[in-house]
């Protein structure tokens, strides 16, 4: 585990790497809203947004979970009066952020090893773990506006760098009975999206790409259009490929990121999802600079094609985190 050296709040993120921080927040919210509209399974209960973690459960409750959602860690102790002031604020914000991060509370008295591994010098101390990487947030009490700013930066970086949009939270219930979900409204772009699907089914990949792009021009956060466009562009990329030549070039040039990307596209279209993901993870691990960035970003694009809830995507995110950090 990486031991952070800087406990300043400004050290949590590289703001220069976040070109569209506000858009990242909107995209994450829209993705969760779309998943809820479709009635996807896997929604978590509001109570699971704040959890108590010990050394035995750290790997599953924090490390594994951080491949799906940023995990904020609150190091505290019963005797610590500032902790008693900070912890309720963090718990309230975890519920307010509604799945964009999960709060893990660690009692340092009972979990000395974790305290040492993170290099905690005093409490309260707040860290985050994103895709397996430990990041220092702040130490001691801080004003709520400053805490909010740090959390906003955290969720933005998680979206921009790792494609983590958080988890879907199930609606609260009253008197033990689930509230009935309202009927999903007909969207303003349903006809355009249906036309795009028809073009895709007919093999008119150019028409499908244009249709999806038209929707996104008016509604950049439309999740269905983003997914459809990713699929149509993938199919168009491989349509004119000579598969034998592409695979030979990749075999001859194992460190050529573009050659590996082309084969990964072929594998994905052919249904070999794990092979496609594994190839790009390996490429990220053995390249550097622009080649490494190209392979990493293309892998994130392929994650969008398959969908963030697919277990193969979760496994590949974990593997990517290992080679990156």
Protein backbone atom coordinates (compact mmCIF):
# COMPACT_ATOMS: atom_id res chain seq x y z
CA UNK A 1 0.00 0.00 0.00
CA UNK A 2 1.33 3.44 -0.89
CA UNK A 3 2.10 5.61 2.13
CA UNK A 4 1.31 9.24 1.31
CA UNK A 5 3.82 11.89 2.28
CA UNK A 6 1.67 14.99 1.92
CA UNK A 7 -1.35 15.59 4.10
CA UNK A 8 -2.39 18.90 2.52
CA UNK A 9 -5.84 19.08 0.99
CA UNK A 10 -4.43 20.56 -2.21
CA UNK A 11 -2.34 17.45 -2.75
CA UNK A 12 -5.27 15.14 -3.33
CA UNK A 13 -5.63 15.78 -7.04
CA UNK A 14 -3.81 17.18 -10.04
CA UNK A 15 -6.26 19.82 -11.14
CA UNK A 16 -4.46 20.24 -14.46
CA UNK A 17 -5.53 16.71 -15.36
CA UNK A 18 -9.19 17.50 -14.84
CA UNK A 19 -10.27 19.45 -17.92
CA UNK A 20 -13.97 18.93 -17.51
CA UNK A 21 -14.53 18.55 -13.78
CA UNK A 22 -18.07 19.85 -13.84
CA UNK A 23 -18.98 17.61 -16.77
CA UNK A 24 -17.62 14.57 -14.91
CA UNK A 25 -19.99 15.21 -12.03
CA UNK A 26 -22.97 15.57 -14.38
CA UNK A 27 -22.04 12.42 -16.29
CA UNK A 28 -21.82 10.39 -13.10
CA UNK A 29 -25.23 11.59 -11.96
CA UNK A 30 -26.80 10.89 -15.35
CA UNK A 31 -25.32 7.40 -15.48
CA UNK A 32 -26.84 6.56 -12.11
CA UNK A 33 -30.18 8.08 -13.11
CA UNK A 34 -30.25 6.07 -16.32
CA UNK A 35 -29.42 2.85 -14.47
CA UNK A 36 -32.24 3.55 -12.03
CA UNK A 37 -34.65 4.30 -14.90
CA UNK A 38 -33.85 0.96 -16.52
CA UNK A 39 -34.42 -0.83 -13.21
CA UNK A 40 -30.94 -2.35 -13.19
CA UNK A 41 -30.17 -4.71 -10.30
CA UNK A 42 -27.22 -4.11 -8.03
CA UNK A 43 -28.44 -0.94 -6.32
CA UNK A 44 -27.06 -0.57 -2.81
CA UNK A 45 -29.02 0.44 0.25
CA UNK A 46 -28.47 3.95 1.69
CA UNK A 47 -27.14 2.36 4.89
CA UNK A 48 -24.23 0.80 2.99
CA UNK A 49 -22.82 4.23 2.10
CA UNK A 50 -21.27 4.41 5.59
CA UNK A 51 -19.50 1.28 6.84
CA UNK A 52 -17.25 0.27 9.71
CA UNK A 53 -14.08 -1.42 8.48
CA UNK A 54 -11.44 -3.47 10.28
CA UNK A 55 -8.20 -5.11 9.20
CA UNK A 56 -9.88 -8.41 8.33
CA UNK A 57 -12.37 -6.80 5.97
CA UNK A 58 -10.12 -4.11 4.52
CA UNK A 59 -9.37 -5.90 1.25
CA UNK A 60 -13.00 -6.62 0.36
CA UNK A 61 -14.62 -3.56 1.94
CA UNK A 62 -12.09 -0.99 0.73
CA UNK A 63 -9.62 -2.25 -1.88
CA UNK A 64 -12.07 -4.28 -3.97
CA UNK A 65 -14.84 -1.74 -3.57
CA UNK A 66 -12.50 1.05 -4.72
CA UNK A 67 -12.54 -0.47 -8.22
CA UNK A 68 -16.21 0.53 -8.44
CA UNK A 69 -16.51 3.68 -6.34
CA UNK A 70 -14.12 6.00 -4.47
CA UNK A 71 -13.80 4.98 -0.82
CA UNK A 72 -13.19 7.78 1.71
CA UNK A 73 -11.55 6.58 4.94
CA UNK A 74 -12.19 8.30 8.27
CA UNK A 75 -9.55 7.34 10.86
CA UNK A 76 -11.02 8.04 14.28
CA UNK A 77 -11.06 6.98 17.93
CA UNK A 78 -13.62 7.11 20.71
CA UNK A 79 -11.46 9.39 22.86
CA UNK A 80 -10.87 11.89 20.02
CA UNK A 81 -13.16 14.92 20.46
CA UNK A 82 -12.37 16.45 17.00
CA UNK A 83 -13.27 13.05 15.50
CA UNK A 84 -16.69 13.28 17.11
CA UNK A 85 -17.21 16.62 15.36
CA UNK A 86 -15.90 15.55 11.95
CA UNK A 87 -17.42 12.07 11.62
CA UNK A 88 -21.09 13.19 11.58
CA UNK A 89 -20.26 15.70 8.83
CA UNK A 90 -18.62 13.03 6.69
CA UNK A 91 -21.51 10.63 7.28
CA UNK A 92 -24.05 13.25 6.26
CA UNK A 93 -22.08 14.12 3.13
CA UNK A 94 -21.78 10.43 2.19
CA UNK A 95 -25.57 10.21 2.14
CA UNK A 96 -25.91 13.54 0.36
CA UNK A 97 -23.46 12.55 -2.40
CA UNK A 98 -25.73 9.54 -2.97
CA UNK A 99 -23.27 6.90 -4.14
CA UNK A 100 -20.49 9.04 -5.59
CA UNK A 101 -18.29 7.82 -2.74
CA UNK A 102 -18.52 5.37 0.16
CA UNK A 103 -17.35 6.30 3.66
CA UNK A 104 -15.29 3.69 5.55
CA UNK A 105 -14.79 4.37 9.27
CA UNK A 106 -11.67 2.84 10.87
CA UNK A 107 -11.16 2.88 14.65
CA UNK A 108 -7.40 3.32 15.07
CA UNK A 109 -7.41 1.78 18.54
CA UNK A 110 -8.62 -1.54 17.13
CA UNK A 111 -6.75 -1.33 13.80
CA UNK A 112 -3.21 -0.19 14.53
CA UNK A 113 -1.78 -1.97 11.47
CA UNK A 114 -3.97 -0.01 9.07
CA UNK A 115 -3.03 3.21 10.82
CA UNK A 116 0.67 2.38 10.33
CA UNK A 117 0.23 1.32 6.70
CA UNK A 118 -1.36 4.65 5.83
CA UNK A 119 1.27 6.57 7.80
CA UNK A 120 -1.34 8.27 9.98
CA UNK A 121 0.41 10.68 12.37
CA UNK A 122 -2.66 12.07 14.12
CA UNK A 123 -6.43 11.90 14.07
CA UNK A 124 -8.86 12.67 12.71
CA UNK A 125 -7.21 11.80 9.40
CA UNK A 126 -9.08 11.35 6.14
CA UNK A 127 -7.80 9.41 3.14
CA UNK A 128 -9.31 8.03 -0.05
CA UNK A 129 -8.68 4.85 -2.02
CA UNK A 130 -9.45 4.97 -5.75
CA UNK A 131 -8.82 1.89 -7.92
CA UNK A 132 -6.48 0.58 -5.24
CA UNK A 133 -4.48 3.81 -4.92
CA UNK A 134 -4.28 5.54 -1.53
CA UNK A 135 -4.59 9.33 -1.54
CA UNK A 136 -4.29 11.69 1.46
CA UNK A 137 -7.19 14.13 1.79
CA UNK A 138 -6.75 16.09 5.02
CA UNK A 139 -5.88 15.82 8.71
CA UNK A 140 -7.73 17.43 11.59
CA UNK A 141 -10.93 19.42 11.45
CA UNK A 142 -11.70 21.37 8.29
CA UNK A 143 -14.54 23.71 7.30
CA UNK A 144 -17.39 21.95 5.53
CA UNK A 145 -17.02 24.02 2.31
CA UNK A 146 -13.38 22.92 2.09
CA UNK A 147 -14.37 19.29 2.69
CA UNK A 148 -16.98 19.54 -0.06
CA UNK A 149 -14.42 20.98 -2.45
CA UNK A 150 -12.04 18.10 -1.74
CA UNK A 151 -14.79 15.52 -2.22
CA UNK A 152 -15.86 17.15 -5.48
CA UNK A 153 -12.27 16.95 -6.75
CA UNK A 154 -12.07 13.32 -5.66
CA UNK A 155 -15.18 12.17 -7.50
CA UNK A 156 -14.17 14.15 -10.58
CA UNK A 157 -10.76 12.53 -10.75
CA UNK A 158 -12.29 9.09 -10.18
CA UNK A 159 -14.56 9.67 -13.20
CA UNK A 160 -11.95 11.26 -15.47
CA UNK A 161 -9.04 8.93 -14.79
CA UNK A 162 -10.76 5.65 -14.02
CA UNK A 163 -14.30 5.94 -15.35
CA UNK A 164 -15.74 5.38 -11.86
CA UNK A 165 -19.20 6.93 -11.72
CA UNK A 166 -20.09 5.58 -8.28
CA UNK A 167 -22.83 3.19 -7.26
CA UNK A 168 -26.58 3.32 -7.69
CA UNK A 169 -28.41 3.83 -4.40
CA UNK A 170 -31.80 2.26 -3.84
CA UNK A 171 -34.56 4.67 -2.78
CA UNK A 172 -35.40 4.93 0.90
CA UNK A 173 -38.38 2.95 2.13
CA UNK A 174 -41.10 3.93 4.55
CA UNK A 175 -42.56 1.56 7.14
CA UNK A 176 -40.55 -1.30 5.64
CA UNK A 177 -42.35 -1.12 2.30
CA UNK A 178 -40.65 -0.10 -0.89
CA UNK A 179 -42.06 2.97 -2.54
CA UNK A 180 -43.42 2.40 -6.00
CA UNK A 181 -41.15 3.79 -8.70
CA UNK A 182 -42.77 6.24 -11.08
CA UNK A 183 -43.20 5.16 -14.65
CA UNK A 184 -40.24 6.10 -16.83
CA UNK A 185 -41.12 9.04 -19.05
CA UNK A 186 -40.66 8.90 -22.76
CA UNK A 187 -37.39 10.64 -23.56
CA UNK A 188 -37.13 13.42 -26.14
CA UNK A 189 -34.57 11.42 -28.14
CA UNK A 190 -36.30 8.03 -28.19
CA UNK A 191 -37.15 8.25 -31.90
CA UNK A 192 -33.60 9.24 -32.82
CA UNK A 193 -32.14 6.48 -30.68
CA UNK A 194 -34.48 3.93 -32.26
CA UNK A 195 -33.38 5.08 -35.72
CA UNK A 196 -29.75 4.65 -34.69
CA UNK A 197 -30.40 1.11 -33.48
CA UNK A 198 -32.18 0.28 -36.75
CA UNK A 199 -29.19 1.59 -38.71
CA UNK A 200 -26.84 -0.45 -36.54
CA UNK A 201 -28.88 -3.61 -37.07
CA UNK A 202 -28.93 -2.98 -40.82
CA UNK A 203 -25.15 -2.66 -40.95
CA UNK A 204 -25.28 1.06 -41.77
CA UNK A 205 -22.53 1.94 -39.33
CA UNK A 206 -22.00 5.43 -40.71
CA UNK A 207 -25.69 6.19 -40.33
CA UNK A 208 -25.71 4.84 -36.78
CA UNK A 209 -22.67 6.93 -35.84
CA UNK A 210 -24.27 10.08 -37.25
CA UNK A 211 -27.56 9.39 -35.47
CA UNK A 212 -25.88 8.91 -32.11
CA UNK A 213 -23.71 11.98 -32.65
CA UNK A 214 -26.81 14.04 -33.39
CA UNK A 215 -28.33 13.03 -30.07
CA UNK A 216 -25.11 13.77 -28.18
CA UNK A 217 -24.79 17.17 -29.84
CA UNK A 218 -27.99 18.21 -28.04
CA UNK A 219 -27.62 16.01 -24.97
CA UNK A 220 -23.91 15.28 -24.26
CA UNK A 221 -24.73 13.23 -21.19
CA UNK A 222 -27.18 10.82 -22.86
CA UNK A 223 -25.97 7.44 -21.59
CA UNK A 224 -27.73 5.33 -24.23
CA UNK A 225 -26.31 7.43 -27.06
CA UNK A 226 -22.80 7.29 -25.60
CA UNK A 227 -22.95 3.50 -25.36
CA UNK A 228 -24.44 3.14 -28.84
CA UNK A 229 -21.83 5.45 -30.37
CA UNK A 230 -19.01 3.49 -28.73
CA UNK A 231 -20.39 0.25 -30.17
CA UNK A 232 -20.95 1.69 -33.65
CA UNK A 233 -17.48 3.23 -33.80
CA UNK A 234 -15.93 -0.06 -32.67
CA UNK A 235 -17.71 -1.98 -35.43
CA UNK A 236 -16.72 0.63 -38.01
CA UNK A 237 -13.07 0.44 -36.96
CA UNK A 238 -12.87 -3.31 -37.50
CA UNK A 239 -15.06 -3.42 -40.63
CA UNK A 240 -12.20 -2.82 -43.06
CA UNK A 241 -9.47 -4.60 -41.09
CA UNK A 242 -7.49 -7.51 -42.50
CA UNK A 243 -7.58 -9.62 -39.36
CA UNK A 244 -4.57 -11.78 -40.28
CA UNK A 245 -2.40 -8.78 -41.11
CA UNK A 246 -3.46 -6.91 -37.98
CA UNK A 247 -2.68 -9.87 -35.72
CA UNK A 248 0.69 -10.46 -37.41
CA UNK A 249 1.70 -6.84 -36.93
CA UNK A 250 0.76 -7.01 -33.25
CA UNK A 251 2.80 -10.21 -32.83
CA UNK A 252 5.80 -8.60 -34.55
CA UNK A 253 5.50 -5.35 -32.58
CA UNK A 254 4.48 -6.19 -29.01
CA UNK A 255 5.33 -2.68 -27.79
CA UNK A 256 3.39 -0.89 -30.54
CA UNK A 257 0.32 0.44 -28.74
CA UNK A 258 -1.70 1.07 -31.92
CA UNK A 259 -1.07 -2.47 -33.16
CA UNK A 260 -2.24 -3.91 -29.84
CA UNK A 261 -5.27 -1.62 -29.81
CA UNK A 262 -6.34 -2.87 -33.25
CA UNK A 263 -6.18 -6.52 -32.13
CA UNK A 264 -8.06 -5.68 -28.94
CA UNK A 265 -10.87 -4.24 -31.09
CA UNK A 266 -10.96 -7.43 -33.15
CA UNK A 267 -11.05 -9.57 -30.00
CA UNK A 268 -13.89 -7.57 -28.50
CA UNK A 269 -16.03 -7.75 -31.63
CA UNK A 270 -15.32 -11.49 -31.77
CA UNK A 271 -16.59 -11.93 -28.22
CA UNK A 272 -13.16 -12.47 -26.66
CA UNK A 273 -13.64 -9.78 -24.03
CA UNK A 274 -11.08 -11.02 -21.51
CA UNK A 275 -8.44 -11.35 -24.24
CA UNK A 276 -9.09 -7.77 -25.41
CA UNK A 277 -8.89 -6.35 -21.90
CA UNK A 278 -5.85 -8.44 -20.97
CA UNK A 279 -3.95 -7.38 -24.09
CA UNK A 280 -4.41 -3.69 -23.34
CA UNK A 281 -3.62 -4.08 -19.64
CA UNK A 282 -0.37 -5.81 -20.64
CA UNK A 283 0.36 -3.02 -23.14
CA UNK A 284 -0.13 -0.38 -20.46
CA UNK A 285 2.27 -2.31 -18.24
CA UNK A 286 5.11 -2.47 -20.75
CA UNK A 287 4.85 0.91 -22.49
CA UNK A 288 5.35 4.51 -21.40
CA UNK A 289 4.43 8.06 -22.34
CA UNK A 290 1.95 8.61 -25.16
CA UNK A 291 1.79 4.90 -26.03
CA UNK A 292 0.83 4.02 -22.46
CA UNK A 293 -1.80 6.75 -22.35
CA UNK A 294 -3.24 5.62 -25.71
CA UNK A 295 -3.59 2.02 -24.52
CA UNK A 296 -5.08 3.07 -21.17
CA UNK A 297 -7.62 5.46 -22.68
CA UNK A 298 -8.65 2.94 -25.32
CA UNK A 299 -9.17 0.34 -22.61
CA UNK A 300 -11.48 2.75 -20.78
CA UNK A 301 -13.41 3.24 -24.04
CA UNK A 302 -13.85 -0.52 -24.39
CA UNK A 303 -15.11 -0.65 -20.81
CA UNK A 304 -17.91 1.67 -21.97
CA UNK A 305 -18.79 -0.72 -24.80
CA UNK A 306 -19.24 -3.65 -22.42
CA UNK A 307 -20.79 -1.69 -19.53
CA UNK A 308 -19.46 -0.77 -16.08
CA UNK A 309 -21.46 -3.44 -14.23
CA UNK A 310 -19.98 -6.37 -16.17
CA UNK A 311 -17.71 -8.46 -13.88
CA UNK A 312 -15.10 -8.66 -16.65
CA UNK A 313 -14.85 -4.88 -16.56
CA UNK A 314 -14.47 -4.92 -12.78
CA UNK A 315 -11.68 -7.51 -13.02
CA UNK A 316 -9.91 -5.55 -15.75
CA UNK A 317 -10.12 -2.32 -13.73
CA UNK A 318 -8.40 -4.10 -10.86
CA UNK A 319 -5.69 -5.41 -13.19
CA UNK A 320 -5.22 -1.95 -14.70
CA UNK A 321 -4.84 -0.42 -11.25
CA UNK A 322 -2.08 -2.92 -10.45
CA UNK A 323 0.03 -2.03 -13.49
CA UNK A 324 -0.56 1.70 -13.03
CA UNK A 325 0.31 1.82 -9.36
